[in-house]
Amino acid sequence: MEQQTTVISAIESLLFISGEPLSFARIAKVIGSNEDEVRNTVKNLAEKYAGDTGCGLMIVMQPESAVLATKPEHAASVEAFTRGELQETLSKAALEVLSIIAYRAPISRAEIDAIRGVNCSFTLRNLLLRDLIERSGNPQDTRGYIYRPSFRFLETLGLGSIQELPDFESLSKDERLEMVLAEASIAPVSLAEEQGADAGVVNNEEKIDA
């Protein structure tokens, strides 16, 4: 029992001091535990925070990592304190792309372009700069990236996980979008093309769209 309490407090301390998402693998390595134990402990901690109305903290979890965050009811106070870039208004195009990524992640740029019917690389660049989305190498196509919502996106909306989005189950599996993607001729987007957009090499259509 004492050992379990030590594990719980150690994980809690690491999440607090990190200030950013920590992978379960890294936590396990630091405290000399295993990933499954860490994942279950973090899940229990998240439930504990969620049920404690006197606590202003919450844990945001993703499949392989977690971060300590503030509860949404304190958003006004936190926003007034931080005054970050997230207070700026997102364009209609950015909101559309962000919604697509939130409900369809992990998703490639080619798939996002197919759903919206317009090149979205400039909009994706802006969302990356605001830390609302993150990207990683596409395991099915080493020449491109896949995109997913970031921890900051979840924190801003006060969500414990992406599944808490409204109508997530139905919208994430919308058959109409599946048909669009199936019918579209999706050509692979190379890393060079996506990195070119990051450097500001965009066409006029993109600039208008963003």
N, C-alpha and C. Protein backbone atom coordinates (compact mmCIF):
# COMPACT_ATOMS: atom_id res chain seq x y z
N MET A 1 0.84 -1.21 0.00
CA MET A 1 0.00 0.00 0.00
C MET A 1 0.87 1.25 0.00
N GLU A 2 1.93 1.21 0.84
CA GLU A 2 2.83 2.37 0.92
C GLU A 2 3.55 2.58 -0.40
N GLN A 3 3.94 1.45 -1.04
CA GLN A 3 4.63 1.54 -2.31
C GLN A 3 3.72 2.13 -3.38
N GLN A 4 2.44 1.71 -3.37
CA GLN A 4 1.47 2.24 -4.34
C GLN A 4 1.27 3.73 -4.16
N THR A 5 1.20 4.17 -2.90
CA THR A 5 1.05 5.59 -2.61
C THR A 5 2.25 6.38 -3.11
N THR A 6 3.43 5.79 -2.96
CA THR A 6 4.65 6.44 -3.44
C THR A 6 4.64 6.61 -4.96
N VAL A 7 4.16 5.56 -5.65
CA VAL A 7 4.07 5.61 -7.12
C VAL A 7 3.11 6.71 -7.54
N ILE A 8 1.96 6.78 -6.88
CA ILE A 8 0.95 7.79 -7.21
C ILE A 8 1.50 9.20 -7.01
N SER A 9 2.13 9.44 -5.86
CA SER A 9 2.66 10.78 -5.58
C SER A 9 3.81 11.14 -6.49
N ALA A 10 4.61 10.13 -6.88
CA ALA A 10 5.74 10.38 -7.79
C ALA A 10 5.23 10.80 -9.16
N ILE A 11 4.22 10.09 -9.66
CA ILE A 11 3.64 10.42 -10.97
C ILE A 11 3.01 11.80 -10.93
N GLU A 12 2.29 12.09 -9.87
CA GLU A 12 1.65 13.39 -9.70
C GLU A 12 2.69 14.51 -9.70
N SER A 13 3.81 14.27 -9.03
CA SER A 13 4.88 15.27 -8.96
C SER A 13 5.49 15.52 -10.33
N LEU A 14 5.70 14.44 -11.09
CA LEU A 14 6.29 14.58 -12.42
C LEU A 14 5.37 15.35 -13.36
N LEU A 15 4.09 15.06 -13.30
CA LEU A 15 3.13 15.77 -14.15
C LEU A 15 3.09 17.25 -13.79
N PHE A 16 3.21 17.54 -12.51
CA PHE A 16 3.18 18.94 -12.06
C PHE A 16 4.42 19.70 -12.50
N ILE A 17 5.58 19.12 -12.27
CA ILE A 17 6.83 19.84 -12.54
C ILE A 17 7.13 19.94 -14.04
N SER A 18 6.58 19.01 -14.83
CA SER A 18 6.87 19.00 -16.27
C SER A 18 6.30 20.22 -16.97
N GLY A 19 5.03 20.51 -16.73
CA GLY A 19 4.40 21.64 -17.41
C GLY A 19 4.06 21.35 -18.86
N GLU A 20 4.33 20.13 -19.31
CA GLU A 20 4.02 19.74 -20.69
C GLU A 20 3.69 18.25 -20.71
N PRO A 21 3.14 17.73 -21.81
CA PRO A 21 2.78 16.32 -21.85
C PRO A 21 3.96 15.40 -21.58
N LEU A 22 3.72 14.38 -20.78
CA LEU A 22 4.72 13.37 -20.48
C LEU A 22 4.23 12.01 -20.98
N SER A 23 5.09 11.28 -21.65
CA SER A 23 4.70 9.96 -22.11
C SER A 23 4.73 8.98 -20.95
N PHE A 24 3.86 7.99 -21.01
CA PHE A 24 3.83 6.97 -19.96
C PHE A 24 5.15 6.20 -19.93
N ALA A 25 5.76 6.05 -21.08
CA ALA A 25 7.04 5.34 -21.16
C ALA A 25 8.12 6.10 -20.38
N ARG A 26 8.14 7.41 -20.54
CA ARG A 26 9.15 8.21 -19.85
C ARG A 26 8.92 8.21 -18.34
N ILE A 27 7.66 8.32 -17.93
CA ILE A 27 7.34 8.30 -16.50
C ILE A 27 7.76 6.96 -15.91
N ALA A 28 7.43 5.87 -16.61
CA ALA A 28 7.78 4.53 -16.13
C ALA A 28 9.28 4.37 -15.95
N LYS A 29 10.04 4.92 -16.89
CA LYS A 29 11.49 4.82 -16.82
C LYS A 29 12.04 5.59 -15.63
N VAL A 30 11.49 6.79 -15.38
CA VAL A 30 11.97 7.64 -14.29
C VAL A 30 11.69 7.03 -12.92
N ILE A 31 10.49 6.45 -12.74
CA ILE A 31 10.12 5.95 -11.42
C ILE A 31 10.37 4.44 -11.26
N GLY A 32 10.90 3.82 -12.33
CA GLY A 32 11.21 2.40 -12.25
C GLY A 32 9.99 1.51 -12.23
N SER A 33 8.99 1.87 -13.04
CA SER A 33 7.76 1.10 -13.10
C SER A 33 7.55 0.61 -14.52
N ASN A 34 6.34 0.19 -14.86
CA ASN A 34 6.03 -0.21 -16.23
C ASN A 34 4.90 0.66 -16.77
N GLU A 35 4.76 0.70 -18.09
CA GLU A 35 3.81 1.61 -18.73
C GLU A 35 2.36 1.34 -18.34
N ASP A 36 1.99 0.07 -18.22
CA ASP A 36 0.60 -0.26 -17.88
C ASP A 36 0.24 0.26 -16.50
N GLU A 37 1.16 0.10 -15.54
CA GLU A 37 0.90 0.59 -14.19
C GLU A 37 0.78 2.11 -14.19
N VAL A 38 1.67 2.76 -14.93
CA VAL A 38 1.64 4.22 -15.02
C VAL A 38 0.34 4.69 -15.65
N ARG A 39 -0.06 4.06 -16.75
CA ARG A 39 -1.29 4.44 -17.45
C ARG A 39 -2.52 4.30 -16.54
N ASN A 40 -2.60 3.19 -15.83
CA ASN A 40 -3.73 2.96 -14.92
C ASN A 40 -3.72 3.95 -13.76
N THR A 41 -2.53 4.25 -13.26
CA THR A 41 -2.42 5.20 -12.15
C THR A 41 -2.85 6.59 -12.58
N VAL A 42 -2.40 7.00 -13.76
CA VAL A 42 -2.78 8.32 -14.28
C VAL A 42 -4.29 8.38 -14.51
N LYS A 43 -4.86 7.29 -15.03
CA LYS A 43 -6.32 7.24 -15.24
C LYS A 43 -7.06 7.41 -13.92
N ASN A 44 -6.59 6.74 -12.88
CA ASN A 44 -7.21 6.86 -11.55
C ASN A 44 -7.06 8.28 -11.00
N LEU A 45 -5.88 8.87 -11.23
CA LEU A 45 -5.66 10.25 -10.79
C LEU A 45 -6.60 11.20 -11.51
N ALA A 46 -6.79 10.97 -12.81
CA ALA A 46 -7.68 11.82 -13.60
C ALA A 46 -9.11 11.75 -13.05
N GLU A 47 -9.54 10.55 -12.69
CA GLU A 47 -10.89 10.38 -12.13
C GLU A 47 -10.99 11.06 -10.77
N LYS A 48 -9.92 10.98 -9.99
CA LYS A 48 -9.89 11.61 -8.66
C LYS A 48 -10.03 13.13 -8.79
N TYR A 49 -9.25 13.72 -9.70
CA TYR A 49 -9.32 15.17 -9.91
C TYR A 49 -10.70 15.58 -10.41
N ALA A 50 -11.25 14.78 -11.35
CA ALA A 50 -12.55 15.11 -11.94
C ALA A 50 -13.66 15.10 -10.89
N GLY A 51 -13.54 14.21 -9.91
CA GLY A 51 -14.58 14.11 -8.88
C GLY A 51 -14.40 15.04 -7.71
N ASP A 52 -13.27 15.73 -7.65
CA ASP A 52 -13.00 16.64 -6.53
C ASP A 52 -13.36 18.07 -6.94
N THR A 53 -14.54 18.53 -6.55
CA THR A 53 -15.00 19.87 -6.93
C THR A 53 -14.19 20.98 -6.27
N GLY A 54 -13.44 20.63 -5.24
CA GLY A 54 -12.63 21.64 -4.57
C GLY A 54 -11.24 21.77 -5.16
N CYS A 55 -10.96 20.98 -6.20
CA CYS A 55 -9.65 21.01 -6.85
C CYS A 55 -9.75 21.71 -8.20
N GLY A 56 -8.81 22.60 -8.51
CA GLY A 56 -8.85 23.34 -9.77
C GLY A 56 -8.07 22.69 -10.89
N LEU A 57 -7.57 21.48 -10.65
CA LEU A 57 -6.74 20.81 -11.65
C LEU A 57 -7.46 19.62 -12.27
N MET A 58 -7.00 19.23 -13.45
CA MET A 58 -7.50 18.05 -14.15
C MET A 58 -6.34 17.44 -14.92
N ILE A 59 -6.50 16.20 -15.31
CA ILE A 59 -5.48 15.53 -16.12
C ILE A 59 -6.06 15.26 -17.50
N VAL A 60 -5.36 15.73 -18.52
CA VAL A 60 -5.76 15.49 -19.91
C VAL A 60 -4.96 14.30 -20.41
N MET A 61 -5.65 13.27 -20.87
CA MET A 61 -4.98 12.05 -21.32
C MET A 61 -5.11 11.85 -22.82
N GLN A 62 -4.03 11.36 -23.41
CA GLN A 62 -4.05 10.85 -24.77
C GLN A 62 -3.54 9.42 -24.69
N PRO A 63 -3.61 8.64 -25.78
CA PRO A 63 -3.30 7.21 -25.69
C PRO A 63 -1.96 6.87 -25.03
N GLU A 64 -0.92 7.68 -25.29
CA GLU A 64 0.40 7.33 -24.76
C GLU A 64 1.01 8.38 -23.86
N SER A 65 0.24 9.39 -23.46
CA SER A 65 0.80 10.45 -22.63
C SER A 65 -0.29 11.20 -21.88
N ALA A 66 0.12 12.10 -20.99
CA ALA A 66 -0.82 12.88 -20.19
C ALA A 66 -0.18 14.19 -19.76
N VAL A 67 -1.04 15.15 -19.39
CA VAL A 67 -0.55 16.44 -18.92
C VAL A 67 -1.48 16.96 -17.84
N LEU A 68 -0.92 17.67 -16.88
CA LEU A 68 -1.71 18.28 -15.81
C LEU A 68 -2.18 19.65 -16.30
N ALA A 69 -3.47 19.93 -16.15
CA ALA A 69 -4.04 21.18 -16.66
C ALA A 69 -5.04 21.75 -15.66
N THR A 70 -5.55 22.95 -15.95
CA THR A 70 -6.55 23.57 -15.09
C THR A 70 -7.95 23.25 -15.60
N LYS A 71 -8.91 23.20 -14.70
CA LYS A 71 -10.28 22.87 -15.07
C LYS A 71 -10.92 24.03 -15.83
N PRO A 72 -11.86 23.71 -16.73
CA PRO A 72 -12.47 24.74 -17.60
C PRO A 72 -13.20 25.83 -16.85
N GLU A 73 -13.73 25.54 -15.65
CA GLU A 73 -14.47 26.57 -14.92
C GLU A 73 -13.58 27.72 -14.46
N HIS A 74 -12.26 27.52 -14.53
CA HIS A 74 -11.34 28.58 -14.15
C HIS A 74 -10.69 29.22 -15.38
N ALA A 75 -11.26 28.93 -16.54
CA ALA A 75 -10.67 29.40 -17.80
C ALA A 75 -10.52 30.92 -17.84
N ALA A 76 -11.52 31.64 -17.34
CA ALA A 76 -11.47 33.11 -17.39
C ALA A 76 -10.29 33.64 -16.59
N SER A 77 -10.08 33.10 -15.42
CA SER A 77 -8.96 33.55 -14.58
C SER A 77 -7.62 33.20 -15.22
N VAL A 78 -7.52 31.98 -15.73
CA VAL A 78 -6.27 31.54 -16.36
C VAL A 78 -5.99 32.36 -17.61
N GLU A 79 -7.04 32.62 -18.39
CA GLU A 79 -6.89 33.40 -19.62
C GLU A 79 -6.43 34.82 -19.31
N ALA A 80 -7.00 35.41 -18.29
CA ALA A 80 -6.61 36.77 -17.90
C ALA A 80 -5.16 36.80 -17.45
N PHE A 81 -4.71 35.71 -16.85
CA PHE A 81 -3.33 35.65 -16.36
C PHE A 81 -2.32 35.44 -17.49
N THR A 82 -2.64 34.51 -18.36
CA THR A 82 -1.67 34.17 -19.42
C THR A 82 -1.69 35.11 -20.61
N ARG A 83 -2.89 35.53 -21.03
CA ARG A 83 -3.03 36.42 -22.19
C ARG A 83 -2.18 35.93 -23.37
N GLY A 84 -2.37 34.69 -23.72
CA GLY A 84 -1.60 34.09 -24.81
C GLY A 84 -2.21 34.33 -26.17
N GLU A 85 -1.57 33.74 -27.16
CA GLU A 85 -2.01 33.91 -28.54
C GLU A 85 -3.37 33.28 -28.81
N LEU A 86 -3.76 32.34 -27.97
CA LEU A 86 -5.03 31.65 -28.21
C LEU A 86 -6.23 32.57 -28.10
N GLN A 87 -6.02 33.77 -27.52
CA GLN A 87 -7.12 34.70 -27.39
C GLN A 87 -7.46 35.36 -28.73
N GLU A 88 -6.56 35.24 -29.70
CA GLU A 88 -6.83 35.81 -31.01
C GLU A 88 -7.91 34.98 -31.71
N THR A 89 -8.71 35.64 -32.52
CA THR A 89 -9.81 34.96 -33.21
C THR A 89 -9.29 34.13 -34.37
N LEU A 90 -9.75 32.88 -34.44
CA LEU A 90 -9.38 32.02 -35.56
C LEU A 90 -10.28 32.31 -36.75
N SER A 91 -9.74 32.21 -37.95
CA SER A 91 -10.53 32.42 -39.15
C SER A 91 -11.50 31.26 -39.34
N LYS A 92 -12.49 31.45 -40.22
CA LYS A 92 -13.46 30.40 -40.53
C LYS A 92 -12.74 29.17 -41.09
N ALA A 93 -11.77 29.41 -41.95
CA ALA A 93 -11.01 28.31 -42.55
C ALA A 93 -10.25 27.53 -41.48
N ALA A 94 -9.63 28.25 -40.55
CA ALA A 94 -8.86 27.60 -39.48
C ALA A 94 -9.77 26.76 -38.59
N LEU A 95 -10.96 27.28 -38.29
CA LEU A 95 -11.91 26.54 -37.47
C LEU A 95 -12.37 25.27 -38.18
N GLU A 96 -12.58 25.36 -39.50
CA GLU A 96 -13.01 24.20 -40.27
C GLU A 96 -11.92 23.12 -40.27
N VAL A 97 -10.68 23.53 -40.53
CA VAL A 97 -9.57 22.58 -40.55
C VAL A 97 -9.36 21.97 -39.17
N LEU A 98 -9.45 22.80 -38.15
CA LEU A 98 -9.29 22.31 -36.78
C LEU A 98 -10.38 21.29 -36.43
N SER A 99 -11.60 21.55 -36.87
CA SER A 99 -12.71 20.61 -36.62
C SER A 99 -12.48 19.28 -37.33
N ILE A 100 -12.00 19.35 -38.57
CA ILE A 100 -11.73 18.13 -39.33
C ILE A 100 -10.68 17.29 -38.61
N ILE A 101 -9.61 17.94 -38.17
CA ILE A 101 -8.54 17.22 -37.48
C ILE A 101 -9.03 16.65 -36.15
N ALA A 102 -9.83 17.44 -35.42
CA ALA A 102 -10.32 17.00 -34.12
C ALA A 102 -11.17 15.74 -34.23
N TYR A 103 -12.02 15.68 -35.27
CA TYR A 103 -12.95 14.56 -35.40
C TYR A 103 -12.42 13.40 -36.25
N ARG A 104 -11.38 13.67 -37.06
CA ARG A 104 -10.94 12.62 -37.98
C ARG A 104 -9.50 12.17 -37.75
N ALA A 105 -8.82 12.72 -36.73
CA ALA A 105 -7.41 12.39 -36.50
C ALA A 105 -7.23 10.90 -36.17
N PRO A 106 -6.06 10.35 -36.54
CA PRO A 106 -4.99 11.00 -37.29
C PRO A 106 -5.35 11.10 -38.78
N ILE A 107 -5.03 12.22 -39.38
CA ILE A 107 -5.45 12.48 -40.76
C ILE A 107 -4.32 13.18 -41.51
N SER A 108 -4.18 12.85 -42.79
CA SER A 108 -3.11 13.45 -43.59
C SER A 108 -3.57 14.77 -44.21
N ARG A 109 -2.62 15.57 -44.68
CA ARG A 109 -2.98 16.83 -45.32
C ARG A 109 -3.78 16.59 -46.59
N ALA A 110 -3.42 15.54 -47.32
CA ALA A 110 -4.14 15.23 -48.56
C ALA A 110 -5.61 14.94 -48.27
N GLU A 111 -5.88 14.25 -47.16
CA GLU A 111 -7.26 13.94 -46.79
C GLU A 111 -8.01 15.20 -46.35
N ILE A 112 -7.31 16.09 -45.63
CA ILE A 112 -7.92 17.36 -45.22
C ILE A 112 -8.26 18.18 -46.45
N ASP A 113 -7.33 18.26 -47.40
CA ASP A 113 -7.56 18.99 -48.65
C ASP A 113 -8.77 18.43 -49.39
N ALA A 114 -8.89 17.09 -49.41
CA ALA A 114 -9.98 16.45 -50.13
C ALA A 114 -11.33 16.78 -49.49
N ILE A 115 -11.39 16.81 -48.17
CA ILE A 115 -12.63 17.09 -47.47
C ILE A 115 -13.05 18.54 -47.70
N ARG A 116 -12.09 19.48 -47.65
CA ARG A 116 -12.42 20.90 -47.80
C ARG A 116 -12.45 21.35 -49.26
N GLY A 117 -11.80 20.60 -50.11
CA GLY A 117 -11.78 20.97 -51.52
C GLY A 117 -10.86 22.12 -51.83
N VAL A 118 -9.87 22.36 -50.96
CA VAL A 118 -8.93 23.46 -51.16
C VAL A 118 -7.62 23.11 -50.46
N ASN A 119 -6.52 23.65 -50.98
CA ASN A 119 -5.22 23.42 -50.37
C ASN A 119 -5.18 24.09 -48.99
N CYS A 120 -4.87 23.31 -47.96
CA CYS A 120 -4.95 23.81 -46.58
C CYS A 120 -3.60 23.95 -45.89
N SER A 121 -2.51 23.87 -46.62
CA SER A 121 -1.20 23.85 -45.97
C SER A 121 -0.91 25.14 -45.19
N PHE A 122 -1.34 26.29 -45.71
CA PHE A 122 -1.08 27.56 -45.01
C PHE A 122 -1.88 27.61 -43.71
N THR A 123 -3.13 27.13 -43.75
CA THR A 123 -3.96 27.08 -42.55
C THR A 123 -3.36 26.12 -41.53
N LEU A 124 -2.87 24.98 -41.99
CA LEU A 124 -2.23 24.02 -41.10
C LEU A 124 -1.01 24.63 -40.43
N ARG A 125 -0.25 25.39 -41.19
CA ARG A 125 0.93 26.05 -40.63
C ARG A 125 0.54 26.99 -39.50
N ASN A 126 -0.53 27.76 -39.69
CA ASN A 126 -0.98 28.69 -38.65
C ASN A 126 -1.44 27.95 -37.39
N LEU A 127 -2.13 26.84 -37.58
CA LEU A 127 -2.61 26.06 -36.43
C LEU A 127 -1.43 25.42 -35.69
N LEU A 128 -0.40 25.02 -36.43
CA LEU A 128 0.80 24.48 -35.79
C LEU A 128 1.52 25.55 -34.98
N LEU A 129 1.59 26.76 -35.52
CA LEU A 129 2.24 27.87 -34.82
C LEU A 129 1.50 28.23 -33.54
N ARG A 130 0.19 28.06 -33.54
CA ARG A 130 -0.62 28.35 -32.35
C ARG A 130 -0.63 27.17 -31.38
N ASP A 131 0.02 26.08 -31.77
CA ASP A 131 0.10 24.89 -30.93
C ASP A 131 -1.27 24.26 -30.68
N LEU A 132 -2.18 24.39 -31.65
CA LEU A 132 -3.51 23.78 -31.53
C LEU A 132 -3.55 22.38 -32.14
N ILE A 133 -2.58 22.10 -33.02
CA ILE A 133 -2.46 20.77 -33.61
C ILE A 133 -1.01 20.34 -33.55
N GLU A 134 -0.78 19.06 -33.73
CA GLU A 134 0.59 18.55 -33.81
C GLU A 134 0.68 17.59 -34.98
N ARG A 135 1.88 17.35 -35.45
CA ARG A 135 2.03 16.46 -36.59
C ARG A 135 3.18 15.49 -36.34
N SER A 136 3.11 14.36 -37.03
CA SER A 136 4.17 13.37 -36.95
C SER A 136 4.27 12.67 -38.30
N GLY A 137 5.32 11.89 -38.48
CA GLY A 137 5.50 11.19 -39.74
C GLY A 137 4.36 10.22 -40.02
N ASN A 138 3.95 10.15 -41.27
CA ASN A 138 2.87 9.27 -41.67
C ASN A 138 3.41 7.85 -41.83
N PRO A 139 2.97 6.90 -40.98
CA PRO A 139 3.49 5.53 -41.06
C PRO A 139 3.11 4.82 -42.36
N GLN A 140 2.07 5.32 -43.04
CA GLN A 140 1.64 4.71 -44.30
C GLN A 140 2.26 5.38 -45.51
N ASP A 141 2.91 6.52 -45.29
CA ASP A 141 3.55 7.24 -46.39
C ASP A 141 4.67 8.11 -45.79
N THR A 142 5.89 7.63 -45.88
CA THR A 142 7.03 8.31 -45.24
C THR A 142 7.32 9.68 -45.87
N ARG A 143 6.62 10.00 -46.95
CA ARG A 143 6.86 11.30 -47.61
C ARG A 143 5.98 12.41 -47.04
N GLY A 144 5.08 12.09 -46.12
CA GLY A 144 4.17 13.11 -45.60
C GLY A 144 3.94 13.01 -44.11
N TYR A 145 3.04 13.86 -43.60
CA TYR A 145 2.73 13.91 -42.17
C TYR A 145 1.28 13.50 -41.93
N ILE A 146 0.99 13.17 -40.67
CA ILE A 146 -0.39 13.06 -40.21
C ILE A 146 -0.58 14.06 -39.08
N TYR A 147 -1.82 14.55 -38.93
CA TYR A 147 -2.12 15.61 -37.96
C TYR A 147 -3.14 15.12 -36.94
N ARG A 148 -3.01 15.66 -35.72
CA ARG A 148 -3.96 15.36 -34.65
C ARG A 148 -4.05 16.57 -33.71
N PRO A 149 -5.11 16.66 -32.91
CA PRO A 149 -5.23 17.79 -31.98
C PRO A 149 -4.11 17.74 -30.93
N SER A 150 -3.68 18.91 -30.48
CA SER A 150 -2.62 18.98 -29.48
C SER A 150 -3.21 18.97 -28.07
N PHE A 151 -2.34 18.82 -27.09
CA PHE A 151 -2.78 18.92 -25.70
C PHE A 151 -3.33 20.31 -25.42
N ARG A 152 -2.75 21.32 -26.05
CA ARG A 152 -3.22 22.68 -25.79
C ARG A 152 -4.65 22.87 -26.28
N PHE A 153 -4.99 22.22 -27.39
CA PHE A 153 -6.35 22.25 -27.90
C PHE A 153 -7.31 21.68 -26.86
N LEU A 154 -6.96 20.53 -26.30
CA LEU A 154 -7.80 19.89 -25.30
C LEU A 154 -7.91 20.74 -24.04
N GLU A 155 -6.77 21.31 -23.62
CA GLU A 155 -6.77 22.16 -22.43
C GLU A 155 -7.67 23.38 -22.61
N THR A 156 -7.58 23.99 -23.80
CA THR A 156 -8.36 25.19 -24.07
C THR A 156 -9.85 24.93 -24.00
N LEU A 157 -10.28 23.77 -24.48
CA LEU A 157 -11.70 23.41 -24.46
C LEU A 157 -12.11 22.75 -23.15
N GLY A 158 -11.13 22.50 -22.29
CA GLY A 158 -11.44 21.86 -21.01
C GLY A 158 -11.86 20.41 -21.16
N LEU A 159 -11.24 19.71 -22.13
CA LEU A 159 -11.59 18.31 -22.39
C LEU A 159 -10.55 17.38 -21.78
N GLY A 160 -11.01 16.29 -21.21
CA GLY A 160 -10.10 15.30 -20.67
C GLY A 160 -9.55 14.39 -21.76
N SER A 161 -10.29 14.26 -22.84
CA SER A 161 -9.86 13.47 -24.00
C SER A 161 -10.65 13.93 -25.21
N ILE A 162 -10.17 13.58 -26.39
CA ILE A 162 -10.82 14.03 -27.63
C ILE A 162 -12.20 13.42 -27.77
N GLN A 163 -12.44 12.27 -27.13
CA GLN A 163 -13.74 11.61 -27.21
C GLN A 163 -14.85 12.41 -26.53
N GLU A 164 -14.49 13.43 -25.75
CA GLU A 164 -15.49 14.24 -25.06
C GLU A 164 -16.06 15.35 -25.93
N LEU A 165 -15.57 15.47 -27.17
CA LEU A 165 -16.13 16.45 -28.10
C LEU A 165 -17.60 16.11 -28.38
N PRO A 166 -18.44 17.11 -28.64
CA PRO A 166 -19.86 16.84 -28.93
C PRO A 166 -20.04 15.91 -30.12
N ASP A 167 -20.88 14.90 -29.96
CA ASP A 167 -21.22 13.95 -31.03
C ASP A 167 -19.98 13.31 -31.67
N PHE A 168 -18.96 13.07 -30.85
CA PHE A 168 -17.70 12.55 -31.40
C PHE A 168 -17.88 11.21 -32.11
N GLU A 169 -18.61 10.30 -31.48
CA GLU A 169 -18.74 8.95 -32.04
C GLU A 169 -19.37 8.97 -33.43
N SER A 170 -20.42 9.76 -33.60
CA SER A 170 -21.11 9.79 -34.90
C SER A 170 -20.33 10.59 -35.94
N LEU A 171 -19.80 11.74 -35.56
CA LEU A 171 -19.11 12.59 -36.52
C LEU A 171 -17.75 12.04 -36.93
N SER A 172 -17.10 11.32 -36.03
CA SER A 172 -15.79 10.77 -36.36
C SER A 172 -15.88 9.61 -37.35
N LYS A 173 -17.12 9.09 -37.51
CA LYS A 173 -17.32 7.97 -38.43
C LYS A 173 -18.36 8.31 -39.50
N ASP A 174 -18.48 9.59 -39.82
CA ASP A 174 -19.48 10.04 -40.79
C ASP A 174 -19.26 9.39 -42.15
N GLU A 175 -20.26 8.66 -42.64
CA GLU A 175 -20.13 7.94 -43.91
C GLU A 175 -19.97 8.87 -45.10
N ARG A 176 -20.51 10.09 -44.99
CA ARG A 176 -20.39 11.04 -46.10
C ARG A 176 -18.94 11.43 -46.32
N LEU A 177 -18.18 11.61 -45.23
CA LEU A 177 -16.76 11.93 -45.37
C LEU A 177 -15.98 10.74 -45.91
N GLU A 178 -16.39 9.54 -45.50
CA GLU A 178 -15.74 8.34 -46.01
C GLU A 178 -15.91 8.26 -47.52
N MET A 179 -17.09 8.65 -48.01
CA MET A 179 -17.36 8.63 -49.45
C MET A 179 -16.51 9.67 -50.18
N VAL A 180 -16.38 10.86 -49.57
CA VAL A 180 -15.56 11.92 -50.17
C VAL A 180 -14.13 11.44 -50.33
N LEU A 181 -13.60 10.83 -49.27
CA LEU A 181 -12.21 10.37 -49.30
C LEU A 181 -12.03 9.21 -50.27
N ALA A 182 -13.05 8.36 -50.35
CA ALA A 182 -12.96 7.21 -51.25
C ALA A 182 -13.01 7.63 -52.71
N GLU A 183 -13.83 8.67 -53.00
CA GLU A 183 -14.01 9.13 -54.38
C GLU A 183 -12.88 10.05 -54.83
N ALA A 184 -12.23 10.73 -53.86
CA ALA A 184 -11.18 11.68 -54.21
C ALA A 184 -9.93 10.94 -54.66
N SER A 185 -9.28 11.50 -55.65
CA SER A 185 -7.99 10.95 -56.09
C SER A 185 -6.92 11.65 -55.27
N ILE A 186 -6.51 11.03 -54.17
CA ILE A 186 -5.59 11.67 -53.23
C ILE A 186 -4.14 11.33 -53.58
N ALA A 187 -3.42 12.33 -54.05
CA ALA A 187 -2.01 12.14 -54.35
C ALA A 187 -1.20 12.40 -53.10
N PRO A 188 -0.12 11.62 -52.85
CA PRO A 188 0.69 11.82 -51.66
C PRO A 188 1.28 13.23 -51.63
N VAL A 189 1.33 13.82 -50.44
CA VAL A 189 1.94 15.12 -50.24
C VAL A 189 3.32 14.89 -49.64
N SER A 190 4.35 15.34 -50.33
CA SER A 190 5.69 15.06 -49.86
C SER A 190 6.07 15.92 -48.67
N LEU A 191 7.09 15.48 -47.94
CA LEU A 191 7.61 16.27 -46.82
C LEU A 191 8.12 17.61 -47.31
N ALA A 192 8.73 17.61 -48.47
CA ALA A 192 9.27 18.85 -49.01
C ALA A 192 8.17 19.86 -49.26
N GLU A 193 7.03 19.39 -49.78
CA GLU A 193 5.90 20.28 -50.05
C GLU A 193 5.35 20.87 -48.75
N GLU A 194 5.22 20.02 -47.73
CA GLU A 194 4.67 20.49 -46.46
C GLU A 194 5.65 21.42 -45.77
N GLN A 195 6.94 21.12 -45.84
CA GLN A 195 7.94 21.99 -45.23
C GLN A 195 8.05 23.29 -45.99
N GLY A 196 7.77 23.24 -47.30
CA GLY A 196 7.76 24.46 -48.09
C GLY A 196 6.67 25.40 -47.62
N ALA A 197 5.52 24.84 -47.28
CA ALA A 197 4.42 25.64 -46.74
C ALA A 197 4.80 26.24 -45.41
N ASP A 198 5.54 25.48 -44.59
CA ASP A 198 5.99 25.99 -43.29
C ASP A 198 6.89 27.20 -43.47
N ALA A 199 7.63 27.21 -44.56
CA ALA A 199 8.56 28.32 -44.79
C ALA A 199 7.87 29.51 -45.43
N GLY A 200 6.57 29.38 -45.67
CA GLY A 200 5.81 30.50 -46.21
C GLY A 200 5.59 30.43 -47.69
N VAL A 201 5.94 29.29 -48.33
CA VAL A 201 5.74 29.13 -49.76
C VAL A 201 4.32 28.63 -49.98
N VAL A 202 3.39 29.53 -50.20
CA VAL A 202 1.99 29.17 -50.37
C VAL A 202 1.43 29.86 -51.59
N ASN A 203 0.34 29.27 -52.14
CA ASN A 203 -0.26 29.89 -53.32
C ASN A 203 -1.33 30.88 -52.92
N ASN A 204 -1.86 31.61 -53.87
CA ASN A 204 -2.83 32.67 -53.56
C ASN A 204 -4.11 32.10 -52.97
N GLU A 205 -4.54 30.93 -53.44
CA GLU A 205 -5.76 30.33 -52.95
C GLU A 205 -5.64 30.05 -51.45
N GLU A 206 -4.47 29.53 -51.03
CA GLU A 206 -4.22 29.27 -49.62
C GLU A 206 -4.30 30.53 -48.79
N LYS A 207 -3.70 31.61 -49.27
CA LYS A 207 -3.65 32.85 -48.50
C LYS A 207 -5.06 33.37 -48.25
N ILE A 208 -5.91 33.25 -49.27
CA ILE A 208 -7.30 33.70 -49.11
C ILE A 208 -8.02 32.79 -48.12
N ASP A 209 -7.76 31.47 -48.25
CA ASP A 209 -8.41 30.47 -47.41
C ASP A 209 -8.07 30.66 -45.94
N ALA A 210 -6.83 30.98 -45.62
CA ALA A 210 -6.39 31.11 -44.23
C ALA A 210 -6.93 32.35 -43.58
